[in-house]
Structure formats: C-alpha cells, structure tokens
PDB file of N, CA and C in Angstrom:
ATOM      1  N   MET A   1       0.794  -1.039   0.107  1.00  0.00           N
ATOM      2  CA  MET A   1       0.206   0.058  -0.093  1.00  0.00           C
ATOM      3  C   MET A   1       1.042   1.423   0.174  1.00  0.00           C
ATOM      4  N   ASN A   2       0.549   2.054  -1.215  1.00  0.00           N
ATOM      5  CA  ASN A   2       1.089   3.329  -0.999  1.00  0.00           C
ATOM      6  C   ASN A   2       0.721   4.581  -0.060  1.00  0.00           C
ATOM      7  N   PRO A   3       1.429   4.996   0.894  1.00  0.00           N
ATOM      8  CA  PRO A   3       1.300   6.296   1.661  1.00  0.00           C
ATOM      9  C   PRO A   3       1.010   7.224   0.908  1.00  0.00           C
ATOM     10  N   ILE A   4      -0.348   8.249   1.269  1.00  0.00           N
ATOM     11  CA  ILE A   4      -0.652   9.327   0.822  1.00  0.00           C
ATOM     12  C   ILE A   4       0.139  10.346   1.235  1.00  0.00           C
ATOM     13  N   ASP A   5      -0.020  11.388   0.462  1.00  0.00           N
ATOM     14  CA  ASP A   5       0.741  12.657   0.607  1.00  0.00           C
ATOM     15  C   ASP A   5      -0.257  13.723   1.106  1.00  0.00           C
ATOM     16  N   PHE A   6      -1.307  13.689   0.596  1.00  0.00           N
ATOM     17  CA  PHE A   6      -2.424  14.753   1.284  1.00  0.00           C
ATOM     18  C   PHE A   6      -3.741  14.460   0.562  1.00  0.00           C
ATOM     19  N   PHE A   7      -4.453  14.803   1.488  1.00  0.00           N
ATOM     20  CA  PHE A   7      -5.914  14.648   0.925  1.00  0.00           C
ATOM     21  C   PHE A   7      -6.992  15.874   1.465  1.00  0.00           C
ATOM     22  N   GLU A   8      -7.898  16.229   0.461  1.00  0.00           N
ATOM     23  CA  GLU A   8      -8.530  17.510   0.628  1.00  0.00           C
ATOM     24  C   GLU A   8     -10.264  17.031   0.743  1.00  0.00           C
ATOM     25  N   ALA A   9     -10.983  17.807   1.867  1.00  0.00           N
ATOM     26  CA  ALA A   9     -12.401  17.194   2.155  1.00  0.00           C
ATOM     27  C   ALA A   9     -13.151  18.791   1.753  1.00  0.00           C
ATOM     28  N   GLU A  10     -13.908  18.712   1.116  1.00  0.00           N
ATOM     29  CA  GLU A  10     -14.863  19.800   0.851  1.00  0.00           C
ATOM     30  C   GLU A  10     -16.298  19.390   1.915  1.00  0.00           C
ATOM     31  N   ASP A  11     -16.612  20.794   2.119  1.00  0.00           N
ATOM     32  CA  ASP A  11     -17.723  20.762   2.934  1.00  0.00           C
ATOM     33  C   ASP A  11     -19.005  20.488   1.978  1.00  0.00           C
ATOM     34  N   GLY A  12     -19.862  19.568   2.589  1.00  0.00           N
ATOM     35  CA  GLY A  12     -20.585  19.179   1.582  1.00  0.00           C
ATOM     36  C   GLY A  12     -22.465  20.082   2.025  1.00  0.00           C
ATOM     37  N   ASP A  13     -22.258  20.968   3.218  1.00  0.00           N
ATOM     38  CA  ASP A  13     -23.523  21.737   3.557  1.00  0.00           C
ATOM     39  C   ASP A  13     -23.464  23.211   2.868  1.00  0.00           C
ATOM     40  N   ASP A  14     -23.887  23.460   1.981  1.00  0.00           N
ATOM     41  CA  ASP A  14     -23.744  24.779   1.397  1.00  0.00           C
ATOM     42  C   ASP A  14     -24.609  25.779   1.613  1.00  0.00           C
ATOM     43  N   ASN A  15     -25.616  24.950   2.748  1.00  0.00           N
ATOM     44  CA  ASN A  15     -26.565  25.724   3.661  1.00  0.00           C
ATOM     45  C   ASN A  15     -26.191  26.313   5.010  1.00  0.00           C
ATOM     46  N   ASP A  16     -24.770  25.853   5.302  1.00  0.00           N
ATOM     47  CA  ASP A  16     -24.194  26.509   6.490  1.00  0.00           C
ATOM     48  C   ASP A  16     -22.968  27.094   6.415  1.00  0.00           C
ATOM     49  N   GLU A  17     -23.207  28.686   6.455  1.00  0.00           N
ATOM     50  CA  GLU A  17     -22.089  29.502   5.908  1.00  0.00           C
ATOM     51  C   GLU A  17     -20.969  29.491   7.023  1.00  0.00           C
ATOM     52  N   ASP A  18     -21.251  29.074   8.208  1.00  0.00           N
ATOM     53  CA  ASP A  18     -20.141  29.118   9.554  1.00  0.00           C
ATOM     54  C   ASP A  18     -19.146  27.911   9.125  1.00  0.00           C
ATOM     55  N   MET A  19     -19.615  26.883   8.288  1.00  0.00           N
ATOM     56  CA  MET A  19     -18.897  25.492   8.352  1.00  0.00           C
ATOM     57  C   MET A  19     -17.610  25.826   7.620  1.00  0.00           C
ATOM     58  N   PRO A  20     -16.376  25.176   7.408  1.00  0.00           N
ATOM     59  CA  PRO A  20     -15.492  25.281   6.957  1.00  0.00           C
ATOM     60  C   PRO A  20     -15.862  25.046   5.479  1.00  0.00           C
ATOM     61  N   THR A  21     -15.354  25.441   4.371  1.00  0.00           N
ATOM     62  CA  THR A  21     -15.511  25.316   2.812  1.00  0.00           C
ATOM     63  C   THR A  21     -14.761  24.252   2.461  1.00  0.00           C
ATOM     64  N   SER A  22     -13.472  24.233   3.034  1.00  0.00           N
ATOM     65  CA  SER A  22     -12.615  22.566   2.487  1.00  0.00           C
ATOM     66  C   SER A  22     -11.588  22.582   3.806  1.00  0.00           C
ATOM     67  N   MET A  23     -10.998  21.645   3.881  1.00  0.00           N
ATOM     68  CA  MET A  23     -10.071  21.311   4.613  1.00  0.00           C
ATOM     69  C   MET A  23      -8.890  20.404   3.978  1.00  0.00           C
ATOM     70  N   THR A  24      -7.679  21.001   3.806  1.00  0.00           N
ATOM     71  CA  THR A  24      -6.558  20.273   3.431  1.00  0.00           C
ATOM     72  C   THR A  24      -5.345  19.597   4.405  1.00  0.00           C
ATOM     73  N   PHE A  25      -5.190  18.357   4.323  1.00  0.00           N
ATOM     74  CA  PHE A  25      -4.500  17.753   5.246  1.00  0.00           C
ATOM     75  C   PHE A  25      -3.087  17.092   4.263  1.00  0.00           C
ATOM     76  N   THR A  26      -1.969  17.475   4.795  1.00  0.00           N
ATOM     77  CA  THR A  26      -0.585  17.493   4.129  1.00  0.00           C
ATOM     78  C   THR A  26       0.218  16.586   5.051  1.00  0.00           C
ATOM     79  N   PHE A  27       0.898  15.352   4.369  1.00  0.00           N
ATOM     80  CA  PHE A  27       1.922  14.686   5.316  1.00  0.00           C
ATOM     81  C   PHE A  27       3.404  14.883   5.007  1.00  0.00           C
ATOM     82  N   GLU A  28       4.214  15.277   5.631  1.00  0.00           N
ATOM     83  CA  GLU A  28       5.673  15.061   5.141  1.00  0.00           C
ATOM     84  C   GLU A  28       6.219  14.240   6.091  1.00  0.00           C
ATOM     85  N   SER A  29       7.653  13.647   5.427  1.00  0.00           N
ATOM     86  CA  SER A  29       8.494  13.067   6.171  1.00  0.00           C
ATOM     87  C   SER A  29       9.344  14.142   6.955  1.00  0.00           C
ATOM     88  N   THR A  30       9.802  13.916   8.243  1.00  0.00           N
ATOM     89  CA  THR A  30      10.731  14.707   8.953  1.00  0.00           C
ATOM     90  C   THR A  30      12.200  13.639   9.585  1.00  0.00           C
ATOM     91  N   PRO A  31      13.283  14.333   9.847  1.00  0.00           N
ATOM     92  CA  PRO A  31      13.950  13.739  10.345  1.00  0.00           C
ATOM     93  C   PRO A  31      13.510  12.717  11.792  1.00  0.00           C
ATOM     94  N   GLU A  32      12.653  13.584  12.133  1.00  0.00           N
ATOM     95  CA  GLU A  32      12.242  13.180  13.453  1.00  0.00           C
ATOM     96  C   GLU A  32      11.294  12.273  13.277  1.00  0.00           C
ATOM     97  N   GLY A  33      10.409  11.836  12.422  1.00  0.00           N
ATOM     98  CA  GLY A  33       9.234  11.100  11.778  1.00  0.00           C
ATOM     99  C   GLY A  33       8.528  11.740  10.808  1.00  0.00           C
ATOM    100  N   SER A  34       7.642  12.550  11.330  1.00  0.00           N
ATOM    101  CA  SER A  34       6.604  13.111  10.284  1.00  0.00           C
ATOM    102  C   SER A  34       5.728  14.161  10.533  1.00  0.00           C
ATOM    103  N   ARG A  35       4.899  15.159   9.821  1.00  0.00           N
ATOM    104  CA  ARG A  35       4.416  16.153  10.051  1.00  0.00           C
ATOM    105  C   ARG A  35       3.174  16.265   9.296  1.00  0.00           C
ATOM    106  N   MET A  36       2.179  16.659   9.967  1.00  0.00           N
ATOM    107  CA  MET A  36       1.019  16.816   9.273  1.00  0.00           C
ATOM    108  C   MET A  36       0.387  18.551   9.296  1.00  0.00           C
ATOM    109  N   ILE A  37       0.229  18.822   8.166  1.00  0.00           N
ATOM    110  CA  ILE A  37       0.242  20.076   7.992  1.00  0.00           C
ATOM    111  C   ILE A  37      -1.855  20.292   7.679  1.00  0.00           C
ATOM    112  N   HIS A  38      -2.209  20.968   8.510  1.00  0.00           N
ATOM    113  CA  HIS A  38      -3.722  21.035   8.230  1.00  0.00           C
ATOM    114  C   HIS A  38      -4.497  22.622   7.730  1.00  0.00           C
ATOM    115  N   VAL A  39      -5.233  23.012   6.659  1.00  0.00           N
ATOM    116  CA  VAL A  39      -5.442  23.885   6.414  1.00  0.00           C
ATOM    117  C   VAL A  39      -6.932  24.007   6.051  1.00  0.00           C
ATOM    118  N   THR A  40      -7.569  25.106   6.634  1.00  0.00           N
ATOM    119  CA  THR A  40      -8.810  24.987   6.873  1.00  0.00           C
ATOM    120  C   THR A  40      -9.255  26.226   6.300  1.00  0.00           C
ATOM    121  N   ARG A  41     -10.158  26.268   5.140  1.00  0.00           N
ATOM    122  CA  ARG A  41     -10.619  27.619   4.638  1.00  0.00           C
ATOM    123  C   ARG A  41     -12.085  27.636   4.699  1.00  0.00           C
ATOM    124  N   PHE A  42     -12.421  29.010   5.415  1.00  0.00           N
ATOM    125  CA  PHE A  42     -13.787  29.503   5.441  1.00  0.00           C
ATOM    126  C   PHE A  42     -14.221  30.356   4.757  1.00  0.00           C
ATOM    127  N   SER A  43     -15.650  30.916   4.520  1.00  0.00           N
ATOM    128  CA  SER A  43     -16.361  31.513   3.797  1.00  0.00           C
ATOM    129  C   SER A  43     -15.955  32.872   4.150  1.00  0.00           C
ATOM    130  N   SER A  44     -15.664  33.273   5.544  1.00  0.00           N
ATOM    131  CA  SER A  44     -15.522  34.479   5.895  1.00  0.00           C
ATOM    132  C   SER A  44     -14.733  34.480   7.317  1.00  0.00           C
ATOM    133  N   VAL A  45     -14.294  35.699   8.006  1.00  0.00           N
ATOM    134  CA  VAL A  45     -13.487  35.727   9.044  1.00  0.00           C
ATOM    135  C   VAL A  45     -14.578  35.182  10.275  1.00  0.00           C
ATOM    136  N   GLU A  46     -15.945  35.823  10.083  1.00  0.00           N
ATOM    137  CA  GLU A  46     -17.016  35.420  11.125  1.00  0.00           C
ATOM    138  C   GLU A  46     -17.083  34.176  11.192  1.00  0.00           C
ATOM    139  N   ALA A  47     -17.176  33.476  10.078  1.00  0.00           N
ATOM    140  CA  ALA A  47     -17.440  32.030   9.964  1.00  0.00           C
ATOM    141  C   ALA A  47     -16.339  31.222  10.696  1.00  0.00           C
ATOM    142  N   MET A  48     -15.070  31.654  10.686  1.00  0.00           N
ATOM    143  CA  MET A  48     -14.113  31.225  11.174  1.00  0.00           C
ATOM    144  C   MET A  48     -13.822  31.261  12.925  1.00  0.00           C
ATOM    145  N   GLU A  49     -14.367  32.458  13.049  1.00  0.00           N
ATOM    146  CA  GLU A  49     -14.454  33.045  14.381  1.00  0.00           C
ATOM    147  C   GLU A  49     -15.741  32.164  15.401  1.00  0.00           C
ATOM    148  N   LYS A  50     -16.750  32.031  14.673  1.00  0.00           N
ATOM    149  CA  LYS A  50     -17.677  31.138  15.176  1.00  0.00           C
ATOM    150  C   LYS A  50     -17.461  29.801  15.316  1.00  0.00           C
ATOM    151  N   THR A  51     -16.620  29.175  14.394  1.00  0.00           N
ATOM    152  CA  THR A  51     -16.227  27.639  14.216  1.00  0.00           C
ATOM    153  C   THR A  51     -14.905  26.929  15.081  1.00  0.00           C
ATOM    154  N   ILE A  52     -14.214  27.940  15.242  1.00  0.00           N
ATOM    155  CA  ILE A  52     -12.802  27.607  15.722  1.00  0.00           C
ATOM    156  C   ILE A  52     -12.814  27.004  17.381  1.00  0.00           C
ATOM    157  N   PRO A  53     -13.623  27.560  18.069  1.00  0.00           N
ATOM    158  CA  PRO A  53     -13.475  27.121  19.465  1.00  0.00           C
ATOM    159  C   PRO A  53     -13.934  25.302  19.185  1.00  0.00           C
ATOM    160  N   GLY A  54     -15.210  25.288  18.586  1.00  0.00           N
ATOM    161  CA  GLY A  54     -15.599  23.494  18.335  1.00  0.00           C
ATOM    162  C   GLY A  54     -14.551  23.001  17.589  1.00  0.00           C
ATOM    163  N   MET A  55     -13.945  23.363  16.889  1.00  0.00           N
ATOM    164  CA  MET A  55     -13.101  22.644  16.019  1.00  0.00           C
ATOM    165  C   MET A  55     -11.616  22.439  16.555  1.00  0.00           C
ATOM    166  N   GLU A  56     -11.319  23.257  17.644  1.00  0.00           N
ATOM    167  CA  GLU A  56     -10.088  23.344  18.615  1.00  0.00           C
ATOM    168  C   GLU A  56     -10.374  21.977  19.577  1.00  0.00           C
ATOM    169  N   GLU A  57     -11.672  22.121  20.164  1.00  0.00           N
ATOM    170  CA  GLU A  57     -11.911  20.838  21.078  1.00  0.00           C
ATOM    171  C   GLU A  57     -12.083  19.370  20.396  1.00  0.00           C
ATOM    172  N   GLY A  58     -12.604  19.716  19.263  1.00  0.00           N
ATOM    173  CA  GLY A  58     -12.777  18.294  18.279  1.00  0.00           C
ATOM    174  C   GLY A  58     -11.256  17.741  18.007  1.00  0.00           C
ATOM    175  N   PHE A  59     -10.395  18.531  17.423  1.00  0.00           N
ATOM    176  CA  PHE A  59      -8.964  18.246  17.242  1.00  0.00           C
ATOM    177  C   PHE A  59      -8.275  17.727  18.354  1.00  0.00           C
ATOM    178  N   ARG A  60      -8.387  18.203  19.707  1.00  0.00           N
ATOM    179  CA  ARG A  60      -7.718  17.803  20.886  1.00  0.00           C
ATOM    180  C   ARG A  60      -8.200  16.614  21.128  1.00  0.00           C
ATOM    181  N   ALA A  61      -9.637  16.175  21.225  1.00  0.00           N
ATOM    182  CA  ALA A  61     -10.033  14.636  20.809  1.00  0.00           C
ATOM    183  C   ALA A  61      -9.501  13.810  19.967  1.00  0.00           C
ATOM    184  N   ALA A  62      -9.187  14.346  18.754  1.00  0.00           N
ATOM    185  CA  ALA A  62      -8.855  13.300  17.823  1.00  0.00           C
ATOM    186  C   ALA A  62      -7.450  13.011  17.593  1.00  0.00           C
ATOM    187  N   MET A  63      -6.656  13.868  17.713  1.00  0.00           N
ATOM    188  CA  MET A  63      -5.281  14.038  18.001  1.00  0.00           C
ATOM    189  C   MET A  63      -4.861  12.567  18.409  1.00  0.00           C
ATOM    190  N   PRO A  64      -4.985  12.136  19.783  1.00  0.00           N
ATOM    191  CA  PRO A  64      -4.351  11.116  20.144  1.00  0.00           C
ATOM    192  C   PRO A  64      -4.756   9.769  19.398  1.00  0.00           C
ATOM    193  N   GLN A  65      -5.870   9.622  18.721  1.00  0.00           N
ATOM    194  CA  GLN A  65      -6.530   8.742  17.885  1.00  0.00           C
ATOM    195  C   GLN A  65      -5.424   8.695  16.496  1.00  0.00           C
ATOM    196  N   LEU A  66      -4.750   9.586  15.991  1.00  0.00           N
ATOM    197  CA  LEU A  66      -4.409   9.596  14.797  1.00  0.00           C
ATOM    198  C   LEU A  66      -3.382   8.795  14.132  1.00  0.00           C
ATOM    199  N   ASP A  67      -2.513   8.567  14.900  1.00  0.00           N
ATOM    200  CA  ASP A  67      -1.513   7.570  14.615  1.00  0.00           C
ATOM    201  C   ASP A  67      -2.386   5.994  14.466  1.00  0.00           C
ATOM    202  N   ALA A  68      -3.262   5.413  15.103  1.00  0.00           N
ATOM    203  CA  ALA A  68      -3.542   4.426  14.732  1.00  0.00           C
ATOM    204  C   ALA A  68      -4.461   4.474  13.632  1.00  0.00           C
ATOM    205  N   LEU A  69      -5.237   5.426  13.475  1.00  0.00           N
ATOM    206  CA  LEU A  69      -6.014   5.642  12.038  1.00  0.00           C
ATOM    207  C   LEU A  69      -5.093   5.552  10.869  1.00  0.00           C
ATOM    208  N   LEU A  70      -4.041   6.339  11.083  1.00  0.00           N
ATOM    209  CA  LEU A  70      -3.068   6.171   9.651  1.00  0.00           C
ATOM    210  C   LEU A  70      -2.424   4.977   9.655  1.00  0.00           C
ATOM    211  N   GLU A  71      -2.066   4.085  10.749  1.00  0.00           N
ATOM    212  CA  GLU A  71      -1.462   2.798  10.498  1.00  0.00           C
ATOM    213  C   GLU A  71      -2.764   1.911   9.912  1.00  0.00           C
ATOM    214  N   ALA A  72      -3.841   1.922   9.923  1.00  0.00           N
ATOM    215  CA  ALA A  72      -4.819   0.993   9.334  1.00  0.00           C
ATOM    216  C   ALA A  72      -4.850   1.128   7.851  1.00  0.00           C
TER     217      ALA A  72
END
C-alpha cells in the first residue's frame, strides 16, 4: 500500500455558511518522524471565529487517535 501525501475534503453542506468550505491535510517526512499540516478554509472571518472553538475541541479529542488511524 502506498502512503498518501495529502487529501482534501470539501464541506457538503452549502446551507451552513459557518462551516469550513474545505480542509486540506498534507503529510511530510521529517528527520524526527512526520509532520501533518492542516489548512482549513472558511467563507469569512466571522465564520472562522464562530467555528474555531468547537473545531479546537474536536481536534484535541481526535489527535491522540491519529497514529492508529493512519496505521490502518
């Protein structure tokens, strides 16, 4: 199986302007292991400000599970 370098997800709910419009995840090798770069695009600064607190909580809960997910 070939490892992936990146993937992008687009928001499927066009009716909610507060949700991110897309998220890109890029994976890079480093001398110490690897690096994940996550870029989220929003429709406006206001949408970002409304969404970031919940996203931060979700990422903090998800990050400890990331190694197992990527190994699968």
